Amino acid sequence: MYGRITRLEGSPDQIDEGMEYVRGTILPAARELNGFRGIVSLTDRASGKGLTITFWETEEAMRASEERANQMRDEAASALGGSIAGVERYEVTLSEMTAPAVV
């Protein structure tokens, strides 16, 4: 499995509105992409900074999604009143979740 990490810097007062947009618009679109396996979003409400990790079945699937991911990333940044601070790609070498997270 592979993961793409997006670092976002946004407005603290737009986090809830932005995450609602991500849940309602970005996530359903991501689910349609070949090889998509999940997403985790981490947010610092005080600073408006956040990390979003999308998970992909293969490196090829992650790479194939780049163009659409760029569009969705820009849409999410706009909804959060912020900007993209960076994007990185990694191989997932350990993953464990004991309970479903908040969606």
Protein backbone atom coordinates (compact mmCIF):
# COMPACT_ATOMS: atom_id res chain seq x y z
CA MET A 1 0.00 0.00 0.00
CA TYR A 2 1.08 3.59 -0.64
CA GLY A 3 0.17 6.93 0.89
CA ARG A 4 0.14 10.48 -0.36
CA ILE A 5 0.41 13.13 2.36
CA THR A 6 -0.89 16.63 1.74
CA ARG A 7 0.05 19.41 4.14
CA LEU A 8 -2.51 22.22 4.23
CA GLU A 9 -2.46 25.61 5.89
CA GLY A 10 -5.90 27.11 6.30
CA SER A 11 -8.08 29.38 8.32
CA PRO A 12 -8.96 27.96 11.77
CA ASP A 13 -12.47 29.39 11.51
CA GLN A 14 -13.15 27.48 8.26
CA ILE A 15 -12.15 23.99 9.41
CA ASP A 16 -15.65 22.64 10.04
CA GLU A 17 -17.04 24.06 6.82
CA GLY A 18 -14.03 22.81 4.87
CA MET A 19 -14.21 19.31 6.33
CA GLU A 20 -17.91 19.13 5.49
CA TYR A 21 -16.99 19.92 1.89
CA VAL A 22 -14.30 17.24 1.95
CA ARG A 23 -16.75 14.65 3.36
CA GLY A 24 -19.54 15.52 0.95
CA THR A 25 -17.64 16.23 -2.26
CA ILE A 26 -13.97 15.21 -2.20
CA LEU A 27 -14.34 11.85 -0.45
CA PRO A 28 -17.06 10.51 -2.77
CA ALA A 29 -14.93 11.52 -5.79
CA ALA A 30 -11.83 9.87 -4.31
CA ARG A 31 -13.77 6.65 -3.74
CA GLU A 32 -14.32 6.47 -7.49
CA LEU A 33 -10.59 6.47 -8.28
CA ASN A 34 -9.02 3.12 -9.11
CA GLY A 35 -6.94 1.76 -6.24
CA PHE A 36 -8.19 4.21 -3.58
CA ARG A 37 -8.13 2.49 -0.17
CA GLY A 38 -8.86 5.21 2.38
CA ILE A 39 -8.16 8.59 3.90
CA VAL A 40 -7.10 10.05 7.24
CA SER A 41 -7.21 13.76 8.02
CA LEU A 42 -5.42 15.36 10.98
CA THR A 43 -6.10 18.97 11.96
CA ASP A 44 -4.66 21.47 14.41
CA ARG A 45 -7.70 23.66 15.11
CA ALA A 46 -5.62 26.39 16.74
CA SER A 47 -3.35 27.01 13.75
CA GLY A 48 -5.53 25.79 10.88
CA LYS A 49 -2.79 23.43 9.75
CA GLY A 50 -3.62 19.92 8.67
CA LEU A 51 -2.35 16.72 7.15
CA THR A 52 -4.40 14.47 4.92
CA ILE A 53 -3.18 11.02 3.99
CA THR A 54 -4.80 9.12 1.15
CA PHE A 55 -4.07 5.42 0.82
CA TRP A 56 -3.62 3.56 -2.47
CA GLU A 57 -3.51 -0.13 -3.31
CA THR A 58 -0.37 0.22 -5.45
CA GLU A 59 2.18 2.87 -6.32
CA GLU A 60 0.86 2.76 -9.89
CA ALA A 61 -2.69 3.54 -8.70
CA MET A 62 -1.40 6.44 -6.62
CA ARG A 63 0.58 7.83 -9.57
CA ALA A 64 -2.38 7.37 -11.95
CA SER A 65 -4.56 9.46 -9.63
CA GLU A 66 -2.17 12.45 -9.56
CA GLU A 67 -4.00 14.71 -12.02
CA ARG A 68 -7.39 14.26 -10.34
CA ALA A 69 -5.78 14.45 -6.89
CA ASN A 70 -4.26 17.82 -7.80
CA GLN A 71 -7.71 19.16 -8.70
CA MET A 72 -9.32 17.78 -5.53
CA ARG A 73 -6.48 19.12 -3.40
CA ASP A 74 -6.97 22.62 -4.80
CA GLU A 75 -10.74 22.38 -4.22
CA ALA A 76 -10.22 21.28 -0.61
CA ALA A 77 -7.69 24.05 0.06
CA SER A 78 -10.15 26.60 -1.28
CA ALA A 79 -12.96 25.21 0.91
CA LEU A 80 -10.67 25.44 3.94
CA GLY A 81 -9.66 29.00 3.10
CA GLY A 82 -6.05 27.99 2.77
CA SER A 83 -3.24 26.70 0.61
CA ILE A 84 -1.27 23.56 -0.03
CA ALA A 85 2.01 23.62 1.92
CA GLY A 86 3.36 20.39 0.42
CA VAL A 87 2.69 16.93 -0.96
CA GLU A 88 4.76 13.81 -0.30
CA ARG A 89 4.44 10.16 -1.28
CA TYR A 90 5.44 7.11 0.75
CA GLU A 91 5.17 3.37 0.88
CA VAL A 92 3.05 2.28 3.86
CA THR A 93 5.26 -0.06 5.88
CA LEU A 94 2.98 -0.39 8.92
CA SER A 95 -0.73 0.22 9.33
CA GLU A 96 -3.11 -0.68 12.15
CA MET A 97 -6.47 0.76 13.13
CA THR A 98 -8.34 -0.78 16.04
CA ALA A 99 -11.63 1.04 15.55
CA PRO A 100 -13.35 3.04 12.84
CA ALA A 101 -12.49 6.71 13.00
CA VAL A 102 -14.86 9.67 12.80
CA VAL A 103 -16.20 10.25 9.30
